[in-house]
Amino acid sequence: MKTFKLSMTILLISISAISFGQNKNGSISEQVLSEIKKSITNDANTRALINAVSANDIKKLVINRENYEQVSHYFSNKVEVKGITNQKSSGRCWLFTGLNTLRPRVIDSFNMKKFEFSQTYSFFWDQLEKSNLFLEAIIATGERAKDDKTVDWLFKNPIGDGGQWTTFADIVEKYGLVPKSAMPETYHSENTRTMSGLIRKKLREDGMELRKMITNNEKSKVISAKKVEMLGDIYRILVLTLGVPPTEFNWQYENKDGSLSELRTYSPKQFYKEYVGIDLRDYVMLMNDPSRPYDKLFEIEYDRSMYDGYNWKYINLRAEKIKTFAEKSILANEALYFSCDVGKQLDGDYGTLDVNNYDYNDLMGVTFGMDKSWRIQTYDSGSSHGMALVGFNKLKDGTIDKWLLENSWGKDKGHDGFLTMTDQWFSEYMFRLVVNKKYIDPETLKILEQKATMLPPWDPMFAPEQ
């Protein structure tokens, strides 16, 4: 028996060594190292390059200054917008973007001099609803092992301040909207890190308590009552950091000619109905993900803000087709919810998103050649930020060479708060666009009738916009 155990131990060690590449053929031997070192030559040019690269910000060395002359900030077609918003140190770009797509409609319809929605009001309800969704998900998975992948994902991601169009639409339809004056920004709405950290800490504690109750076979009504008590703690944190959301408010606005509207009292739902008055379910999320089949419908599990809300569904389409719907919307003076990998090839000083902004290949002498599909699959690229798409520039031959984005980083960032995106960058780093159904062709809308393929929330494509 001892001999058998010893033999099995030796076999397992051998298998382990092979599995983890612990063999001489895979190691960096002196011969292999000698080959590796041939990639660089120790001459005067290389020494100068080492000194330059090691002592400077690489982006400053690789910027393509000649490209400034190739991309201007003039556009043939633009949605009329007024004022640049600023999300400051928060991950609420999805909320600013959603509201910024509605804002031009309100300003234009009511001839306002200026206008801005309250982001704090919607954010308050988003955080409370996400907390409830987490606790309900913990109850639903309470009998699973703690190391179950879904349970593990839930505790790693109990709540955040990021989101996307579906989370925005759910909150607006349930709670309405208010003008910024009815619930202004606070320190914690503009600087969410501490508040979000406290809520995450409390939710994780609450989640463990609920799992303990389920293990002890507590009755469902007792567990539900405990969950409500837990949400009371979250509500208290939100009130102390963001303020009390109004149930009604007095409001009037200034017209472009300087005259004032009648001072009236509104509830948030009345305000939304009167000043926006559209059904957000008439909008469709389109995605460009070449790592998956096109012309298919997909759904993301747990990717919503509310327990009684909707999971995120999208149609996967080729970028060129998505652009045709964007063009129709802008021609109709409608801004669009747009999300992208904003950090890639962004020249923040000049305000451009262009694949030619930086040339890392020449500086490093190394080719970086992944296509969009590989970038997605390897977590190298994904949607990180939402903005409002508000313009395009059409050339004489009928092609579009660039697009205009209204950002939410303040007027001092980019080009007076806007970013100019080349058409090629649009194809490479755009991921999501939300379009009203009336601008989408019947063939594409028919895809919505498909049974959606359910994808897990930890899929590489589906981090929320920040």
Protein backbone atom coordinates (compact mmCIF):
# COMPACT_ATOMS: atom_id res chain seq x y z
CA MET A 1 0.00 0.00 0.00
CA LYS A 2 2.84 2.41 0.85
CA THR A 3 4.54 1.63 -2.48
CA PHE A 4 1.28 2.36 -4.34
CA LYS A 5 0.84 5.71 -2.53
CA LEU A 6 4.44 6.67 -3.28
CA SER A 7 4.01 5.81 -6.97
CA MET A 8 0.79 7.84 -7.18
CA THR A 9 2.49 10.80 -5.52
CA ILE A 10 5.36 10.72 -8.02
CA LEU A 11 2.85 10.46 -10.90
CA LEU A 12 0.85 13.45 -9.65
CA ILE A 13 3.99 15.54 -9.23
CA SER A 14 5.05 14.68 -12.78
CA ILE A 15 1.63 15.58 -14.19
CA SER A 16 1.64 18.84 -12.22
CA ALA A 17 5.06 19.76 -13.57
CA ILE A 18 3.92 19.13 -17.14
CA SER A 19 0.61 21.01 -16.62
CA PHE A 20 2.31 24.16 -15.37
CA GLY A 21 5.08 24.12 -17.94
CA GLN A 22 7.79 23.19 -15.46
CA ASN A 23 10.13 21.55 -17.95
CA LYS A 24 13.44 22.58 -19.45
CA ASN A 25 12.06 23.09 -22.95
CA GLY A 26 9.77 25.91 -21.76
CA SER A 27 12.19 27.77 -19.52
CA ILE A 28 14.36 30.76 -20.42
CA SER A 29 17.72 29.05 -20.79
CA GLU A 30 20.97 30.87 -21.57
CA GLN A 31 20.55 29.92 -25.23
CA VAL A 32 16.97 31.22 -25.31
CA LEU A 33 18.02 34.39 -23.52
CA SER A 34 20.74 34.93 -26.09
CA GLU A 35 18.12 34.80 -28.86
CA ILE A 36 15.82 37.16 -26.98
CA LYS A 37 18.58 39.75 -26.55
CA LYS A 38 19.01 39.98 -30.31
CA SER A 39 15.80 42.07 -30.43
CA ILE A 40 17.78 45.12 -29.37
CA THR A 41 21.19 46.46 -30.40
CA ASN A 42 23.36 48.41 -27.99
CA ASP A 43 24.32 51.30 -30.25
CA ALA A 44 24.18 55.10 -29.96
CA ASN A 45 20.63 55.37 -31.35
CA THR A 46 19.32 52.70 -28.98
CA ARG A 47 20.99 54.33 -25.97
CA ALA A 48 19.44 57.67 -26.91
CA LEU A 49 16.06 56.00 -27.31
CA ILE A 50 16.35 54.33 -23.90
CA ASN A 51 17.16 57.68 -22.30
CA ALA A 52 14.19 59.35 -24.00
CA VAL A 53 11.61 56.65 -23.30
CA SER A 54 12.67 55.89 -19.73
CA ALA A 55 12.55 59.56 -18.69
CA ASN A 56 9.31 60.70 -20.35
CA ASP A 57 5.59 60.02 -20.67
CA ILE A 58 5.41 57.61 -23.62
CA LYS A 59 2.25 59.27 -24.96
CA LYS A 60 4.15 62.54 -25.40
CA LEU A 61 6.78 60.77 -27.48
CA VAL A 62 4.39 58.92 -29.76
CA ILE A 63 1.86 61.68 -30.48
CA ASN A 64 1.38 62.34 -34.18
CA ARG A 65 1.42 66.14 -34.35
CA GLU A 66 1.05 66.15 -38.13
CA ASN A 67 -2.36 64.58 -37.58
CA TYR A 68 -3.67 67.83 -36.02
CA GLU A 69 -3.96 69.27 -39.51
CA GLN A 70 -5.97 66.27 -40.71
CA VAL A 71 -8.83 66.48 -38.18
CA SER A 72 -10.77 69.71 -37.67
CA HIS A 73 -13.68 70.44 -35.35
CA TYR A 74 -16.15 71.56 -38.05
CA PHE A 75 -19.30 69.56 -38.78
CA SER A 76 -21.90 69.68 -41.51
CA ASN A 77 -24.73 68.36 -39.30
CA LYS A 78 -25.22 68.84 -35.56
CA VAL A 79 -27.93 68.45 -32.94
CA GLU A 80 -28.52 71.77 -31.20
CA VAL A 81 -27.11 71.47 -27.66
CA LYS A 82 -26.55 74.03 -24.91
CA GLY A 83 -24.03 73.75 -22.07
CA ILE A 84 -21.54 71.05 -21.09
CA THR A 85 -22.15 68.91 -18.01
CA ASN A 86 -19.53 67.57 -15.60
CA GLN A 87 -19.75 64.22 -13.81
CA LYS A 88 -16.58 65.06 -11.84
CA SER A 89 -15.10 62.20 -9.74
CA SER A 90 -17.93 59.75 -10.30
CA GLY A 91 -18.79 56.88 -12.61
CA ARG A 92 -22.12 58.37 -13.68
CA CYS A 93 -21.32 58.94 -17.37
CA TRP A 94 -24.18 56.60 -18.35
CA LEU A 95 -26.60 58.80 -16.41
CA PHE A 96 -25.22 62.08 -17.76
CA THR A 97 -25.29 60.61 -21.27
CA GLY A 98 -28.88 59.40 -20.98
CA LEU A 99 -30.04 62.78 -19.66
CA ASN A 100 -27.97 64.65 -22.25
CA THR A 101 -29.76 62.80 -25.05
CA LEU A 102 -33.10 64.06 -23.67
CA ARG A 103 -31.98 67.59 -22.83
CA PRO A 104 -31.87 69.05 -26.39
CA ARG A 105 -35.47 67.90 -26.92
CA VAL A 106 -36.63 69.78 -23.80
CA ILE A 107 -34.70 72.96 -24.58
CA ASP A 108 -35.95 73.05 -28.16
CA SER A 109 -39.58 72.11 -27.43
CA PHE A 110 -40.01 74.76 -24.73
CA ASN A 111 -37.73 77.46 -26.18
CA MET A 112 -35.59 77.47 -23.02
CA LYS A 113 -32.52 79.62 -22.54
CA LYS A 114 -30.77 76.73 -20.76
CA PHE A 115 -31.71 73.59 -18.88
CA GLU A 116 -30.22 70.63 -17.02
CA PHE A 117 -31.78 67.62 -15.34
CA SER A 118 -30.88 66.56 -11.80
CA GLN A 119 -28.39 63.71 -12.04
CA THR A 120 -28.42 63.34 -8.23
CA TYR A 121 -32.13 62.54 -8.14
CA SER A 122 -31.84 59.67 -10.62
CA PHE A 123 -28.59 58.46 -9.05
CA PHE A 124 -30.23 58.21 -5.62
CA TRP A 125 -32.88 55.79 -6.89
CA ASP A 126 -30.35 53.92 -9.01
CA GLN A 127 -28.28 53.14 -5.92
CA LEU A 128 -31.26 52.05 -3.83
CA GLU A 129 -32.63 49.85 -6.61
CA LYS A 130 -29.25 48.25 -7.28
CA SER A 131 -28.96 47.47 -3.57
CA ASN A 132 -32.34 45.73 -3.63
CA LEU A 133 -31.38 43.81 -6.77
CA PHE A 134 -28.21 42.56 -5.07
CA LEU A 135 -30.04 41.42 -1.94
CA GLU A 136 -32.72 39.65 -3.99
CA ALA A 137 -30.01 37.93 -6.05
CA ILE A 138 -28.36 36.76 -2.84
CA ILE A 139 -31.68 35.33 -1.63
CA ALA A 140 -32.25 33.60 -4.98
CA THR A 141 -28.80 31.99 -4.86
CA GLY A 142 -28.78 31.43 -1.12
CA GLU A 143 -28.66 27.64 -1.34
CA ARG A 144 -25.68 27.60 -3.69
CA ALA A 145 -22.11 27.17 -2.44
CA LYS A 146 -20.19 30.34 -1.64
CA ASP A 147 -17.67 29.53 -4.39
CA ASP A 148 -20.41 29.21 -7.03
CA LYS A 149 -19.38 31.54 -9.86
CA THR A 150 -22.57 33.60 -9.78
CA VAL A 151 -22.46 33.97 -5.99
CA ASP A 152 -18.79 34.89 -6.15
CA TRP A 153 -19.51 37.50 -8.86
CA LEU A 154 -22.33 39.01 -6.80
CA PHE A 155 -20.14 39.54 -3.75
CA LYS A 156 -17.37 41.00 -5.89
CA ASN A 157 -19.85 43.39 -7.55
CA PRO A 158 -22.61 44.20 -5.05
CA ILE A 159 -23.06 47.72 -6.38
CA GLY A 160 -21.31 50.42 -8.38
CA ASP A 161 -21.98 53.87 -9.78
CA GLY A 162 -21.58 52.73 -13.40
CA GLY A 163 -24.40 51.70 -15.69
CA GLN A 164 -25.76 51.77 -19.23
CA TRP A 165 -28.91 52.67 -21.16
CA THR A 166 -31.19 50.01 -19.67
CA THR A 167 -30.40 51.06 -16.10
CA PHE A 168 -31.11 54.65 -17.11
CA ALA A 169 -34.43 53.86 -18.80
CA ASP A 170 -35.69 51.74 -15.88
CA ILE A 171 -34.98 54.42 -13.29
CA VAL A 172 -36.52 57.23 -15.35
CA GLU A 173 -39.71 55.30 -16.10
CA LYS A 174 -40.24 54.31 -12.47
CA TYR A 175 -39.23 57.51 -10.67
CA GLY A 176 -39.56 60.26 -13.28
CA LEU A 177 -37.16 63.20 -13.58
CA VAL A 178 -36.61 66.55 -11.91
CA PRO A 179 -34.67 69.70 -12.91
CA LYS A 180 -31.26 70.17 -11.33
CA SER A 181 -32.52 72.95 -9.07
CA ALA A 182 -34.92 70.50 -7.37
CA MET A 183 -32.08 68.21 -6.24
CA PRO A 184 -28.62 69.72 -6.85
CA GLU A 185 -25.28 67.94 -6.80
CA THR A 186 -23.65 67.20 -3.43
CA TYR A 187 -20.04 66.48 -2.54
CA HIS A 188 -20.78 62.75 -2.58
CA SER A 189 -22.69 62.73 -5.86
CA GLU A 190 -19.64 64.31 -7.48
CA ASN A 191 -17.16 62.21 -5.48
CA THR A 192 -18.78 58.78 -5.13
CA ARG A 193 -15.86 56.66 -3.95
CA THR A 194 -16.42 56.81 -0.17
CA MET A 195 -20.20 56.58 -0.35
CA SER A 196 -20.08 53.64 -2.76
CA GLY A 197 -17.47 51.91 -0.62
CA LEU A 198 -19.66 52.15 2.48
CA ILE A 199 -22.69 50.81 0.62
CA ARG A 200 -20.69 47.90 -0.81
CA LYS A 201 -19.32 47.05 2.63
CA LYS A 202 -22.81 47.05 4.17
CA LEU A 203 -24.34 45.03 1.33
CA ARG A 204 -21.67 42.35 1.60
CA GLU A 205 -22.37 42.07 5.31
CA ASP A 206 -26.11 41.93 4.64
CA GLY A 207 -25.56 39.31 1.94
CA MET A 208 -23.72 37.03 4.35
CA GLU A 209 -26.45 37.52 6.95
CA LEU A 210 -29.16 36.56 4.44
CA ARG A 211 -27.22 33.44 3.41
CA LYS A 212 -26.94 32.49 7.07
CA MET A 213 -30.71 32.88 7.51
CA ILE A 214 -31.34 30.68 4.45
CA THR A 215 -28.95 28.03 5.80
CA ASN A 216 -30.88 28.11 9.10
CA ASN A 217 -34.16 27.55 7.18
CA GLU A 218 -35.76 30.83 8.20
CA LYS A 219 -39.20 31.43 6.69
CA SER A 220 -39.30 33.46 3.49
CA LYS A 221 -41.44 36.21 5.05
CA VAL A 222 -38.86 36.63 7.83
CA ILE A 223 -36.09 36.89 5.25
CA SER A 224 -38.08 39.42 3.22
CA ALA A 225 -38.70 41.54 6.29
CA LYS A 226 -35.00 41.46 7.10
CA LYS A 227 -34.17 42.57 3.57
CA VAL A 228 -36.47 45.61 3.94
CA GLU A 229 -34.73 46.46 7.22
CA MET A 230 -31.37 46.23 5.45
CA LEU A 231 -32.57 48.55 2.69
CA GLY A 232 -33.49 51.04 5.41
CA ASP A 233 -29.79 51.27 6.28
CA ILE A 234 -28.89 51.85 2.64
CA TYR A 235 -31.59 54.52 2.31
CA ARG A 236 -30.18 56.28 5.37
CA ILE A 237 -26.66 56.34 3.87
CA LEU A 238 -28.06 57.72 0.60
CA VAL A 239 -30.06 60.46 2.32
CA LEU A 240 -27.06 61.55 4.40
CA THR A 241 -24.79 61.72 1.33
CA LEU A 242 -27.16 62.80 -1.45
CA GLY A 243 -30.13 64.42 0.28
CA VAL A 244 -33.84 63.56 0.28
CA PRO A 245 -35.31 63.10 -3.23
CA PRO A 246 -38.33 65.40 -3.71
CA THR A 247 -41.83 64.01 -4.10
CA GLU A 248 -42.95 67.38 -5.50
CA PHE A 249 -41.29 70.72 -6.24
CA ASN A 250 -41.97 74.23 -7.55
CA TRP A 251 -40.29 75.20 -10.80
CA GLN A 252 -40.21 77.74 -13.61
CA TYR A 253 -37.78 78.43 -16.43
CA GLU A 254 -36.45 81.33 -18.50
CA ASN A 255 -37.24 81.51 -22.22
CA LYS A 256 -34.67 82.50 -24.85
CA ASP A 257 -36.26 85.96 -24.98
CA GLY A 258 -35.70 86.43 -21.23
CA SER A 259 -39.35 85.97 -20.15
CA LEU A 260 -40.28 83.56 -17.35
CA SER A 261 -42.69 80.66 -17.46
CA GLU A 262 -45.45 80.23 -14.90
CA LEU A 263 -44.28 78.94 -11.52
CA ARG A 264 -45.89 75.51 -11.09
CA THR A 265 -45.77 72.50 -8.78
CA TYR A 266 -44.77 69.12 -10.21
CA SER A 267 -44.21 65.57 -9.11
CA PRO A 268 -41.18 63.89 -10.75
CA LYS A 269 -43.44 61.72 -12.93
CA GLN A 270 -45.56 64.69 -13.97
CA PHE A 271 -42.43 66.61 -14.89
CA TYR A 272 -41.10 63.74 -17.01
CA LYS A 273 -44.43 63.29 -18.78
CA GLU A 274 -44.88 66.98 -19.55
CA TYR A 275 -41.35 67.97 -20.51
CA VAL A 276 -39.97 64.75 -22.05
CA GLY A 277 -43.09 62.78 -22.91
CA ILE A 278 -41.49 59.86 -24.76
CA ASP A 279 -41.48 56.12 -24.17
CA LEU A 280 -37.92 54.99 -23.52
CA ARG A 281 -38.96 51.45 -24.51
CA ASP A 282 -39.06 52.72 -28.08
CA TYR A 283 -35.26 52.77 -28.06
CA VAL A 284 -33.08 49.82 -29.06
CA MET A 285 -29.52 49.11 -28.00
CA LEU A 286 -27.23 48.16 -30.87
CA MET A 287 -23.79 46.61 -30.35
CA ASN A 288 -20.76 46.07 -32.54
CA ASP A 289 -19.01 42.95 -31.23
CA PRO A 290 -17.16 41.12 -34.04
CA SER A 291 -16.29 38.29 -31.63
CA ARG A 292 -19.93 37.14 -31.83
CA PRO A 293 -22.34 36.50 -34.72
CA TYR A 294 -24.01 39.52 -36.26
CA ASP A 295 -27.77 40.02 -36.67
CA LYS A 296 -28.44 38.18 -33.41
CA LEU A 297 -30.16 39.20 -30.17
CA PHE A 298 -28.29 38.90 -26.86
CA GLU A 299 -29.20 39.45 -23.20
CA ILE A 300 -26.96 40.01 -20.18
CA GLU A 301 -27.93 38.32 -16.91
CA TYR A 302 -28.21 40.61 -13.85
CA ASP A 303 -27.28 43.60 -16.00
CA ARG A 304 -29.97 45.96 -14.81
CA SER A 305 -30.52 48.35 -11.92
CA MET A 306 -33.89 47.08 -10.65
CA TYR A 307 -35.26 43.75 -9.51
CA ASP A 308 -38.44 44.51 -11.46
CA GLY A 309 -36.52 46.06 -14.36
CA TYR A 310 -35.22 44.68 -17.64
CA ASN A 311 -31.99 42.90 -18.37
CA TRP A 312 -29.83 44.58 -20.95
CA LYS A 313 -30.71 43.29 -24.45
CA TYR A 314 -28.94 44.28 -27.63
CA ILE A 315 -28.76 43.52 -31.34
CA ASN A 316 -25.25 42.77 -32.60
CA LEU A 317 -24.67 44.56 -35.91
CA ARG A 318 -21.86 45.57 -38.21
CA ALA A 319 -20.53 49.05 -37.51
CA GLU A 320 -21.42 50.39 -40.96
CA LYS A 321 -25.07 49.52 -40.48
CA ILE A 322 -25.15 51.14 -37.06
CA LYS A 323 -23.76 54.34 -38.58
CA THR A 324 -26.70 54.61 -41.00
CA PHE A 325 -29.15 54.70 -38.08
CA ALA A 326 -26.99 57.26 -36.27
CA GLU A 327 -27.01 59.52 -39.33
CA LYS A 328 -30.82 59.40 -39.59
CA SER A 329 -31.22 60.30 -35.91
CA ILE A 330 -28.88 63.28 -36.05
CA LEU A 331 -30.57 64.59 -39.21
CA ALA A 332 -33.82 64.51 -37.19
CA ASN A 333 -32.10 66.58 -34.44
CA GLU A 334 -32.03 63.67 -31.98
CA ALA A 335 -28.94 62.97 -29.89
CA LEU A 336 -27.97 59.34 -29.28
CA TYR A 337 -26.62 57.37 -26.34
CA PHE A 338 -23.14 56.25 -27.44
CA SER A 339 -20.54 54.19 -25.54
CA CYS A 340 -16.97 53.36 -26.43
CA ASP A 341 -13.44 52.61 -25.24
CA VAL A 342 -12.62 56.28 -24.76
CA GLY A 343 -9.09 55.73 -23.45
CA LYS A 344 -7.83 54.31 -26.74
CA GLN A 345 -6.07 56.86 -28.98
CA LEU A 346 -7.61 59.84 -27.14
CA ASP A 347 -5.83 63.16 -27.54
CA GLY A 348 -7.43 64.98 -24.65
CA ASP A 349 -5.67 68.28 -25.31
CA TYR A 350 -6.80 68.63 -28.91
CA GLY A 351 -10.08 66.81 -28.28
CA THR A 352 -9.88 64.02 -30.85
CA LEU A 353 -10.40 60.26 -30.98
CA ASP A 354 -8.37 59.02 -33.94
CA VAL A 355 -6.53 55.76 -34.64
CA ASN A 356 -3.65 57.89 -36.00
CA ASN A 357 -3.18 60.03 -32.88
CA TYR A 358 -0.33 57.92 -31.45
CA ASP A 359 2.26 55.66 -33.08
CA TYR A 360 3.56 53.16 -30.52
CA ASN A 361 4.84 50.79 -33.22
CA ASP A 362 7.56 53.13 -34.49
CA LEU A 363 8.75 54.22 -31.05
CA MET A 364 8.93 50.73 -29.58
CA GLY A 365 9.89 48.89 -32.75
CA VAL A 366 7.13 46.42 -31.86
CA THR A 367 3.94 45.78 -33.82
CA PHE A 368 0.65 46.03 -31.88
CA GLY A 369 -1.75 44.43 -34.32
CA MET A 370 -4.81 42.94 -32.59
CA ASP A 371 -8.12 43.46 -34.35
CA LYS A 372 -11.30 44.44 -32.51
CA SER A 373 -12.43 40.85 -32.00
CA TRP A 374 -9.19 39.81 -30.32
CA ARG A 375 -9.11 42.99 -28.23
CA ILE A 376 -12.55 42.14 -26.85
CA GLN A 377 -11.79 38.48 -26.16
CA THR A 378 -8.56 39.27 -24.32
CA TYR A 379 -10.03 42.11 -22.19
CA ASP A 380 -7.77 44.60 -24.01
CA SER A 381 -10.74 46.71 -25.11
CA GLY A 382 -14.32 47.20 -24.02
CA SER A 383 -16.83 49.94 -23.38
CA SER A 384 -15.59 52.26 -20.65
CA HIS A 385 -17.47 55.53 -21.13
CA GLY A 386 -20.76 56.88 -22.39
CA MET A 387 -21.31 60.15 -24.29
CA ALA A 388 -24.01 61.74 -26.42
CA LEU A 389 -23.47 61.43 -30.19
CA VAL A 390 -24.62 64.77 -31.59
CA GLY A 391 -23.09 65.37 -35.00
CA PHE A 392 -21.33 64.19 -38.15
CA ASN A 393 -19.45 65.69 -41.06
CA LYS A 394 -20.43 64.63 -44.58
CA LEU A 395 -18.01 65.14 -47.46
CA LYS A 396 -18.92 66.07 -51.05
CA ASP A 397 -18.76 62.43 -52.13
CA GLY A 398 -21.43 61.52 -49.54
CA THR A 399 -19.12 59.76 -47.07
CA ILE A 400 -18.80 60.69 -43.39
CA ASP A 401 -15.27 61.33 -42.14
CA LYS A 402 -15.91 62.27 -38.49
CA TRP A 403 -18.51 62.40 -35.72
CA LEU A 404 -19.14 64.75 -32.78
CA LEU A 405 -19.54 63.63 -29.16
CA GLU A 406 -20.88 65.71 -26.27
CA ASN A 407 -18.89 64.64 -23.22
CA SER A 408 -19.56 65.03 -19.48
CA TRP A 409 -16.07 65.94 -18.25
CA GLY A 410 -16.66 69.68 -18.13
CA LYS A 411 -16.03 72.48 -20.62
CA ASP A 412 -12.26 72.54 -20.03
CA LYS A 413 -11.72 68.95 -21.25
CA GLY A 414 -11.39 68.12 -24.93
CA HIS A 415 -12.50 70.77 -27.44
CA ASP A 416 -14.75 73.00 -25.30
CA GLY A 417 -16.20 69.86 -23.72
CA PHE A 418 -16.70 67.96 -26.99
CA LEU A 419 -14.68 65.21 -28.66
CA THR A 420 -14.22 64.80 -32.41
CA MET A 421 -14.17 61.13 -33.44
CA THR A 422 -12.96 59.96 -36.84
CA ASP A 423 -15.10 57.48 -38.73
CA GLN A 424 -12.37 54.85 -38.52
CA TRP A 425 -12.14 55.26 -34.74
CA PHE A 426 -15.94 54.85 -34.59
CA SER A 427 -15.57 51.41 -36.23
CA GLU A 428 -12.71 50.27 -34.01
CA TYR A 429 -13.74 51.48 -30.55
CA MET A 430 -17.50 52.09 -30.57
CA PHE A 431 -19.44 49.36 -28.75
CA ARG A 432 -22.99 50.49 -27.99
CA LEU A 433 -25.45 52.89 -29.60
CA VAL A 434 -29.08 53.42 -28.58
CA VAL A 435 -31.45 54.37 -31.39
CA ASN A 436 -35.17 55.12 -31.59
CA LYS A 437 -37.02 52.35 -33.45
CA LYS A 438 -38.34 54.82 -36.03
CA TYR A 439 -34.83 55.22 -37.46
CA ILE A 440 -34.18 51.47 -37.74
CA ASP A 441 -35.19 49.41 -40.77
CA PRO A 442 -37.85 46.65 -40.41
CA GLU A 443 -35.36 43.86 -41.14
CA THR A 444 -33.21 44.86 -38.16
CA LEU A 445 -36.22 45.36 -35.88
CA LYS A 446 -37.36 41.83 -36.68
CA ILE A 447 -34.25 40.56 -34.85
CA LEU A 448 -35.92 41.69 -31.62
CA GLU A 449 -38.37 38.79 -32.10
CA GLN A 450 -35.57 36.25 -31.70
CA LYS A 451 -35.07 34.37 -28.46
CA ALA A 452 -32.12 36.17 -26.92
CA THR A 453 -28.89 34.31 -26.15
CA MET A 454 -28.24 34.79 -22.42
CA LEU A 455 -24.69 35.85 -21.54
CA PRO A 456 -23.18 35.95 -18.02
CA PRO A 457 -22.50 39.30 -16.31
CA TRP A 458 -18.77 38.58 -16.16
CA ASP A 459 -18.44 38.41 -19.94
CA PRO A 460 -15.49 40.58 -21.14
CA MET A 461 -17.75 42.90 -23.13
CA PHE A 462 -20.09 43.97 -20.39
CA ALA A 463 -18.48 46.22 -17.84
CA PRO A 464 -20.71 49.23 -17.10
CA GLU A 465 -19.85 52.65 -18.48
CA GLN A 466 -18.11 54.87 -15.96
